[in-house]
């Protein structure tokens, strides 16, 4: 799925990476959840291993959003294991070309994100009703939901469908990224778009309208 990230997501420098070449922490240690490729450079090489002479497996253009999978030092240089945001190309990029993604409030989004875990435990930050439909040709109707929020637009919303099933929908950086589909329901196709002040989401024949304010907590 091609993901368009709103311009309000800003990149800023993580102190010490460039000058001191410190190894930035991973999300589990309180480091940034996501990187962006600095706009001050051209496309950067993605290498199979953390070494300057390792094979190049692809390139990331400036502004590309990445998941932070951890960083390490090798032969005096700091490398970060990264993957394209939303899935895809993975490999090592020199930390000097990376900057952490910031929220709309200017804060670096750090991990770990526990919104899915809390949603699974029923620990919601808000509950209420949204519009949903669970079958082809069905009219939208009110469905109960609960949402657990993380930082920077990370959230998990759980919706109770009229047929008694529950559906979890996952948001990252304010973008609807996927749902808890399974082999049992045939792995239905997921698609989402932003329409005005809400997210229009389709999961097979299911449809959802999720107000953006529910994810941001506004």
C-alpha atoms as a PDB file:
ATOM      1  CA  UNK A   1       0.000   0.000   0.000  1.00  0.00           C
ATOM      2  CA  UNK A   2       1.321   3.447  -0.907  1.00  0.00           C
ATOM      3  CA  UNK A   3       1.218   5.664   2.145  1.00  0.00           C
ATOM      4  CA  UNK A   4       1.021   9.438   1.946  1.00  0.00           C
ATOM      5  CA  UNK A   5       2.209  11.102   5.126  1.00  0.00           C
ATOM      6  CA  UNK A   6       0.939  14.583   5.839  1.00  0.00           C
ATOM      7  CA  UNK A   7       3.454  17.423   5.752  1.00  0.00           C
ATOM      8  CA  UNK A   8       2.898  18.117   9.440  1.00  0.00           C
ATOM      9  CA  UNK A   9       5.244  15.236  10.245  1.00  0.00           C
ATOM     10  CA  UNK A  10       8.581  16.952  10.606  1.00  0.00           C
ATOM     11  CA  UNK A  11      12.076  15.542  10.829  1.00  0.00           C
ATOM     12  CA  UNK A  12      14.643  16.830  13.307  1.00  0.00           C
ATOM     13  CA  UNK A  13      18.170  15.882  14.346  1.00  0.00           C
ATOM     14  CA  UNK A  14      18.625  13.315  17.105  1.00  0.00           C
ATOM     15  CA  UNK A  15      21.339  14.830  19.314  1.00  0.00           C
ATOM     16  CA  UNK A  16      24.775  13.293  18.927  1.00  0.00           C
ATOM     17  CA  UNK A  17      24.357  11.011  15.922  1.00  0.00           C
ATOM     18  CA  UNK A  18      26.290  13.090  13.430  1.00  0.00           C
ATOM     19  CA  UNK A  19      28.858  14.793  15.648  1.00  0.00           C
ATOM     20  CA  UNK A  20      29.635  12.187  18.273  1.00  0.00           C
ATOM     21  CA  UNK A  21      28.558   9.144  16.278  1.00  0.00           C
ATOM     22  CA  UNK A  22      26.838   7.734  19.342  1.00  0.00           C
ATOM     23  CA  UNK A  23      24.722   4.657  18.731  1.00  0.00           C
ATOM     24  CA  UNK A  24      21.076   5.810  18.955  1.00  0.00           C
ATOM     25  CA  UNK A  25      18.847   3.551  21.051  1.00  0.00           C
ATOM     26  CA  UNK A  26      16.198   1.339  19.528  1.00  0.00           C
ATOM     27  CA  UNK A  27      12.519   1.841  20.326  1.00  0.00           C
ATOM     28  CA  UNK A  28      12.632  -0.770  23.100  1.00  0.00           C
ATOM     29  CA  UNK A  29      15.299   1.346  24.811  1.00  0.00           C
ATOM     30  CA  UNK A  30      13.374   4.602  24.375  1.00  0.00           C
ATOM     31  CA  UNK A  31      14.762   5.527  20.951  1.00  0.00           C
ATOM     32  CA  UNK A  32      12.801   6.889  17.988  1.00  0.00           C
ATOM     33  CA  UNK A  33      10.155   4.654  16.472  1.00  0.00           C
ATOM     34  CA  UNK A  34      10.741   5.986  12.983  1.00  0.00           C
ATOM     35  CA  UNK A  35      13.469   7.602  10.909  1.00  0.00           C
ATOM     36  CA  UNK A  36      13.318   9.737   7.806  1.00  0.00           C
ATOM     37  CA  UNK A  37      16.113  10.046   5.263  1.00  0.00           C
ATOM     38  CA  UNK A  38      17.635  13.508   5.601  1.00  0.00           C
ATOM     39  CA  UNK A  39      16.665  16.001   2.948  1.00  0.00           C
ATOM     40  CA  UNK A  40      20.245  17.289   2.864  1.00  0.00           C
ATOM     41  CA  UNK A  41      21.502  14.296   0.882  1.00  0.00           C
ATOM     42  CA  UNK A  42      20.543  12.464  -2.278  1.00  0.00           C
ATOM     43  CA  UNK A  43      19.290   8.894  -2.331  1.00  0.00           C
ATOM     44  CA  UNK A  44      21.154   6.754   0.202  1.00  0.00           C
ATOM     45  CA  UNK A  45      22.403   3.202  -0.238  1.00  0.00           C
ATOM     46  CA  UNK A  46      20.773   0.376   1.694  1.00  0.00           C
ATOM     47  CA  UNK A  47      23.290  -2.367   2.476  1.00  0.00           C
ATOM     48  CA  UNK A  48      22.809  -6.021   3.325  1.00  0.00           C
ATOM     49  CA  UNK A  49      25.121  -5.823   6.345  1.00  0.00           C
ATOM     50  CA  UNK A  50      26.371  -2.997   8.548  1.00  0.00           C
ATOM     51  CA  UNK A  51      29.515  -2.271   6.544  1.00  0.00           C
ATOM     52  CA  UNK A  52      30.566   0.210   3.880  1.00  0.00           C
ATOM     53  CA  UNK A  53      31.689  -2.611   1.578  1.00  0.00           C
ATOM     54  CA  UNK A  54      28.538  -4.732   2.033  1.00  0.00           C
ATOM     55  CA  UNK A  55      26.359  -5.336  -1.052  1.00  0.00           C
ATOM     56  CA  UNK A  56      23.851  -2.601  -1.866  1.00  0.00           C
ATOM     57  CA  UNK A  57      20.298  -4.002  -1.905  1.00  0.00           C
ATOM     58  CA  UNK A  58      18.480  -0.786  -2.788  1.00  0.00           C
ATOM     59  CA  UNK A  59      18.250   2.952  -2.194  1.00  0.00           C
ATOM     60  CA  UNK A  60      16.005   5.272  -0.208  1.00  0.00           C
ATOM     61  CA  UNK A  61      15.142   8.727  -1.503  1.00  0.00           C
ATOM     62  CA  UNK A  62      15.264  11.821   0.747  1.00  0.00           C
ATOM     63  CA  UNK A  63      12.163  12.035   2.917  1.00  0.00           C
ATOM     64  CA  UNK A  64      11.504   8.280   2.909  1.00  0.00           C
ATOM     65  CA  UNK A  65       9.938   7.154   6.183  1.00  0.00           C
ATOM     66  CA  UNK A  66      11.537   4.134   7.848  1.00  0.00           C
ATOM     67  CA  UNK A  67      10.985   1.878  10.841  1.00  0.00           C
ATOM     68  CA  UNK A  68      13.834   1.876  13.373  1.00  0.00           C
ATOM     69  CA  UNK A  69      14.868  -1.753  13.946  1.00  0.00           C
ATOM     70  CA  UNK A  70      17.985  -0.918  15.955  1.00  0.00           C
ATOM     71  CA  UNK A  71      21.462   0.528  15.408  1.00  0.00           C
ATOM     72  CA  UNK A  72      25.028  -0.645  16.014  1.00  0.00           C
ATOM     73  CA  UNK A  73      28.618   0.447  15.612  1.00  0.00           C
ATOM     74  CA  UNK A  74      30.887  -1.375  13.163  1.00  0.00           C
ATOM     75  CA  UNK A  75      34.467  -0.394  12.335  1.00  0.00           C
ATOM     76  CA  UNK A  76      33.989   3.074  13.777  1.00  0.00           C
ATOM     77  CA  UNK A  77      30.746   3.838  11.940  1.00  0.00           C
ATOM     78  CA  UNK A  78      27.162   3.731  13.180  1.00  0.00           C
ATOM     79  CA  UNK A  79      24.644   1.811  11.082  1.00  0.00           C
ATOM     80  CA  UNK A  80      20.902   1.458  11.569  1.00  0.00           C
ATOM     81  CA  UNK A  81      18.785  -1.528  10.601  1.00  0.00           C
ATOM     82  CA  UNK A  82      15.754   0.004   8.885  1.00  0.00           C
ATOM     83  CA  UNK A  83      12.743  -0.992   6.827  1.00  0.00           C
ATOM     84  CA  UNK A  84      10.526   1.121   4.626  1.00  0.00           C
ATOM     85  CA  UNK A  85       7.541   2.366   6.625  1.00  0.00           C
ATOM     86  CA  UNK A  86       4.641   0.021   6.013  1.00  0.00           C
ATOM     87  CA  UNK A  87       6.865  -2.846   4.851  1.00  0.00           C
ATOM     88  CA  UNK A  88       9.222  -3.498   1.967  1.00  0.00           C
ATOM     89  CA  UNK A  89      12.938  -2.913   1.498  1.00  0.00           C
ATOM     90  CA  UNK A  90      15.043  -3.597   4.600  1.00  0.00           C
ATOM     91  CA  UNK A  91      18.751  -3.189   5.254  1.00  0.00           C
ATOM     92  CA  UNK A  92      21.412  -1.039   6.902  1.00  0.00           C
ATOM     93  CA  UNK A  93      21.838   2.712   6.364  1.00  0.00           C
ATOM     94  CA  UNK A  94      24.514   4.964   7.841  1.00  0.00           C
ATOM     95  CA  UNK A  95      23.066   6.826  10.843  1.00  0.00           C
ATOM     96  CA  UNK A  96      24.480  10.118   9.541  1.00  0.00           C
ATOM     97  CA  UNK A  97      21.772  10.148   6.864  1.00  0.00           C
ATOM     98  CA  UNK A  98      18.869   9.613   9.262  1.00  0.00           C
ATOM     99  CA  UNK A  99      16.764  11.925  11.402  1.00  0.00           C
ATOM    100  CA  UNK A 100      13.926  10.958  13.760  1.00  0.00           C
ATOM    101  CA  UNK A 101      10.337  11.662  12.797  1.00  0.00           C
ATOM    102  CA  UNK A 102       8.598  14.228  14.979  1.00  0.00           C
ATOM    103  CA  UNK A 103       4.946  14.601  15.882  1.00  0.00           C
ATOM    104  CA  UNK A 104       2.841  17.620  14.935  1.00  0.00           C
ATOM    105  CA  UNK A 105       3.804  19.048  18.358  1.00  0.00           C
ATOM    106  CA  UNK A 106       7.487  18.826  17.442  1.00  0.00           C
ATOM    107  CA  UNK A 107       8.293  15.915  19.751  1.00  0.00           C
ATOM    108  CA  UNK A 108      10.394  12.941  18.673  1.00  0.00           C
ATOM    109  CA  UNK A 109       8.153   9.859  18.629  1.00  0.00           C
ATOM    110  CA  UNK A 110       9.851   7.268  20.816  1.00  0.00           C
ATOM    111  CA  UNK A 111       8.928   3.689  21.607  1.00  0.00           C
ATOM    112  CA  UNK A 112       7.930   1.155  22.270  1.00  0.00           C
ATOM    113  CA  UNK A 113       4.355   1.503  21.048  1.00  0.00           C
ATOM    114  CA  UNK A 114       2.023  -0.517  23.269  1.00  0.00           C
ATOM    115  CA  UNK A 115      -1.310   0.571  21.811  1.00  0.00           C
ATOM    116  CA  UNK A 116      -2.088  -2.823  20.239  1.00  0.00           C
ATOM    117  CA  UNK A 117      -1.261  -4.630  23.481  1.00  0.00           C
ATOM    118  CA  UNK A 118      -3.461  -2.331  25.547  1.00  0.00           C
ATOM    119  CA  UNK A 119      -6.297  -2.601  23.037  1.00  0.00           C
ATOM    120  CA  UNK A 120      -6.092  -6.385  23.265  1.00  0.00           C
ATOM    121  CA  UNK A 121      -6.442  -6.107  27.038  1.00  0.00           C
ATOM    122  CA  UNK A 122      -9.399  -3.755  26.737  1.00  0.00           C
ATOM    123  CA  UNK A 123      -7.427  -0.827  28.180  1.00  0.00           C
ATOM    124  CA  UNK A 124      -8.911   1.927  26.026  1.00  0.00           C
ATOM    125  CA  UNK A 125      -8.280   5.662  26.111  1.00  0.00           C
ATOM    126  CA  UNK A 126     -11.725   6.368  24.664  1.00  0.00           C
ATOM    127  CA  UNK A 127     -14.882   4.495  23.709  1.00  0.00           C
ATOM    128  CA  UNK A 128     -17.947   5.419  21.707  1.00  0.00           C
ATOM    129  CA  UNK A 129     -19.573   4.804  18.332  1.00  0.00           C
ATOM    130  CA  UNK A 130     -18.424   5.117  14.719  1.00  0.00           C
ATOM    131  CA  UNK A 131     -20.076   4.357  11.396  1.00  0.00           C
ATOM    132  CA  UNK A 132     -19.460   0.874  10.004  1.00  0.00           C
ATOM    133  CA  UNK A 133     -20.928  -1.764   7.699  1.00  0.00           C
ATOM    134  CA  UNK A 134     -19.983  -5.449   7.623  1.00  0.00           C
ATOM    135  CA  UNK A 135     -21.304  -6.760   4.303  1.00  0.00           C
ATOM    136  CA  UNK A 136     -21.602  -5.821   0.662  1.00  0.00           C
ATOM    137  CA  UNK A 137     -24.554  -3.490   0.114  1.00  0.00           C
ATOM    138  CA  UNK A 138     -25.124  -2.992   3.833  1.00  0.00           C
ATOM    139  CA  UNK A 139     -25.885   0.548   4.956  1.00  0.00           C
ATOM    140  CA  UNK A 140     -23.557   2.227   7.422  1.00  0.00           C
ATOM    141  CA  UNK A 141     -24.734   2.027  11.002  1.00  0.00           C
ATOM    142  CA  UNK A 142     -23.419   2.873  14.443  1.00  0.00           C
ATOM    143  CA  UNK A 143     -20.882   0.430  15.860  1.00  0.00           C
ATOM    144  CA  UNK A 144     -19.254   0.458  19.267  1.00  0.00           C
ATOM    145  CA  UNK A 145     -15.492   1.016  19.410  1.00  0.00           C
ATOM    146  CA  UNK A 146     -12.614   1.387  21.821  1.00  0.00           C
ATOM    147  CA  UNK A 147      -9.301   3.052  20.982  1.00  0.00           C
ATOM    148  CA  UNK A 148      -5.911   2.726  22.656  1.00  0.00           C
ATOM    149  CA  UNK A 149      -3.494   5.504  21.693  1.00  0.00           C
ATOM    150  CA  UNK A 150       0.264   5.675  21.589  1.00  0.00           C
ATOM    151  CA  UNK A 151       2.413   8.691  20.758  1.00  0.00           C
ATOM    152  CA  UNK A 152       2.560  10.474  17.424  1.00  0.00           C
ATOM    153  CA  UNK A 153      -0.528   9.006  15.783  1.00  0.00           C
ATOM    154  CA  UNK A 154       0.096   5.391  16.775  1.00  0.00           C
ATOM    155  CA  UNK A 155      -3.201   3.803  17.816  1.00  0.00           C
ATOM    156  CA  UNK A 156      -5.311   0.659  17.695  1.00  0.00           C
ATOM    157  CA  UNK A 157      -9.091   0.844  17.368  1.00  0.00           C
ATOM    158  CA  UNK A 158     -11.289  -2.176  18.105  1.00  0.00           C
ATOM    159  CA  UNK A 159     -14.766  -2.168  16.538  1.00  0.00           C
ATOM    160  CA  UNK A 160     -17.701  -4.387  17.524  1.00  0.00           C
ATOM    161  CA  UNK A 161     -19.474  -5.350  14.298  1.00  0.00           C
ATOM    162  CA  UNK A 162     -23.259  -5.875  14.119  1.00  0.00           C
ATOM    163  CA  UNK A 163     -22.730  -9.586  13.361  1.00  0.00           C
ATOM    164  CA  UNK A 164     -20.971 -10.112  16.687  1.00  0.00           C
ATOM    165  CA  UNK A 165     -17.398 -10.111  15.354  1.00  0.00           C
ATOM    166  CA  UNK A 166     -14.660  -7.707  16.404  1.00  0.00           C
ATOM    167  CA  UNK A 167     -12.182  -5.997  14.126  1.00  0.00           C
ATOM    168  CA  UNK A 168      -8.917  -4.301  15.131  1.00  0.00           C
ATOM    169  CA  UNK A 169      -7.522  -1.560  12.898  1.00  0.00           C
ATOM    170  CA  UNK A 170      -3.960  -0.308  13.325  1.00  0.00           C
ATOM    171  CA  UNK A 171      -2.766   3.267  12.835  1.00  0.00           C
ATOM    172  CA  UNK A 172       0.838   4.464  12.626  1.00  0.00           C
ATOM    173  CA  UNK A 173       1.828   8.116  12.320  1.00  0.00           C
ATOM    174  CA  UNK A 174      -1.855   8.914  11.886  1.00  0.00           C
ATOM    175  CA  UNK A 175      -2.245   6.583   8.892  1.00  0.00           C
ATOM    176  CA  UNK A 176      -4.476   3.496   8.797  1.00  0.00           C
ATOM    177  CA  UNK A 177      -1.971   0.730   8.024  1.00  0.00           C
ATOM    178  CA  UNK A 178      -3.761  -2.576   8.419  1.00  0.00           C
ATOM    179  CA  UNK A 179      -6.132  -4.788  10.371  1.00  0.00           C
ATOM    180  CA  UNK A 180      -6.238  -8.125  12.165  1.00  0.00           C
ATOM    181  CA  UNK A 181      -7.196 -10.162   9.109  1.00  0.00           C
ATOM    182  CA  UNK A 182      -6.579 -13.896   9.116  1.00  0.00           C
ATOM    183  CA  UNK A 183      -6.815 -17.050   7.049  1.00  0.00           C
ATOM    184  CA  UNK A 184     -10.199 -17.712   8.639  1.00  0.00           C
ATOM    185  CA  UNK A 185     -11.708 -14.643   6.968  1.00  0.00           C
ATOM    186  CA  UNK A 186      -9.727 -15.068   3.752  1.00  0.00           C
ATOM    187  CA  UNK A 187      -7.232 -12.256   4.316  1.00  0.00           C
ATOM    188  CA  UNK A 188      -9.566  -9.624   2.808  1.00  0.00           C
ATOM    189  CA  UNK A 189      -7.985  -6.705   0.989  1.00  0.00           C
ATOM    190  CA  UNK A 190      -7.306  -3.632   3.127  1.00  0.00           C
ATOM    191  CA  UNK A 191      -7.542  -0.130   1.737  1.00  0.00           C
ATOM    192  CA  UNK A 192      -7.794   3.264   3.392  1.00  0.00           C
ATOM    193  CA  UNK A 193      -7.880   6.932   2.502  1.00  0.00           C
ATOM    194  CA  UNK A 194      -8.292  10.228   4.298  1.00  0.00           C
ATOM    195  CA  UNK A 195     -11.571  11.961   3.395  1.00  0.00           C
ATOM    196  CA  UNK A 196     -11.964  15.337   5.049  1.00  0.00           C
ATOM    197  CA  UNK A 197     -11.886  14.856   8.801  1.00  0.00           C
ATOM    198  CA  UNK A 198     -12.144  11.067   8.813  1.00  0.00           C
ATOM    199  CA  UNK A 199     -10.468   7.890   7.580  1.00  0.00           C
ATOM    200  CA  UNK A 200     -12.479   5.838   5.079  1.00  0.00           C
ATOM    201  CA  UNK A 201     -11.409   2.213   5.545  1.00  0.00           C
ATOM    202  CA  UNK A 202     -12.386  -0.902   3.650  1.00  0.00           C
ATOM    203  CA  UNK A 203     -11.555  -4.471   4.684  1.00  0.00           C
ATOM    204  CA  UNK A 204     -13.092  -6.749   2.090  1.00  0.00           C
ATOM    205  CA  UNK A 205     -16.833  -5.980   2.274  1.00  0.00           C
ATOM    206  CA  UNK A 206     -16.463  -4.219   5.620  1.00  0.00           C
ATOM    207  CA  UNK A 207     -16.491  -0.410   5.715  1.00  0.00           C
ATOM    208  CA  UNK A 208     -15.524   1.977   8.469  1.00  0.00           C
ATOM    209  CA  UNK A 209     -15.510   5.742   8.948  1.00  0.00           C
ATOM    210  CA  UNK A 210     -13.052   6.669  11.686  1.00  0.00           C
ATOM    211  CA  UNK A 211     -12.817  10.342  12.707  1.00  0.00           C
ATOM    212  CA  UNK A 212      -9.203  11.498  12.656  1.00  0.00           C
ATOM    213  CA  UNK A 213      -9.716  13.105  16.067  1.00  0.00           C
ATOM    214  CA  UNK A 214     -10.190   9.654  17.618  1.00  0.00           C
ATOM    215  CA  UNK A 215      -6.666   8.669  16.616  1.00  0.00           C
ATOM    216  CA  UNK A 216      -4.992  11.933  17.569  1.00  0.00           C
ATOM    217  CA  UNK A 217      -6.991  12.297  20.779  1.00  0.00           C
ATOM    218  CA  UNK A 218      -8.023  15.859  19.937  1.00  0.00           C
END
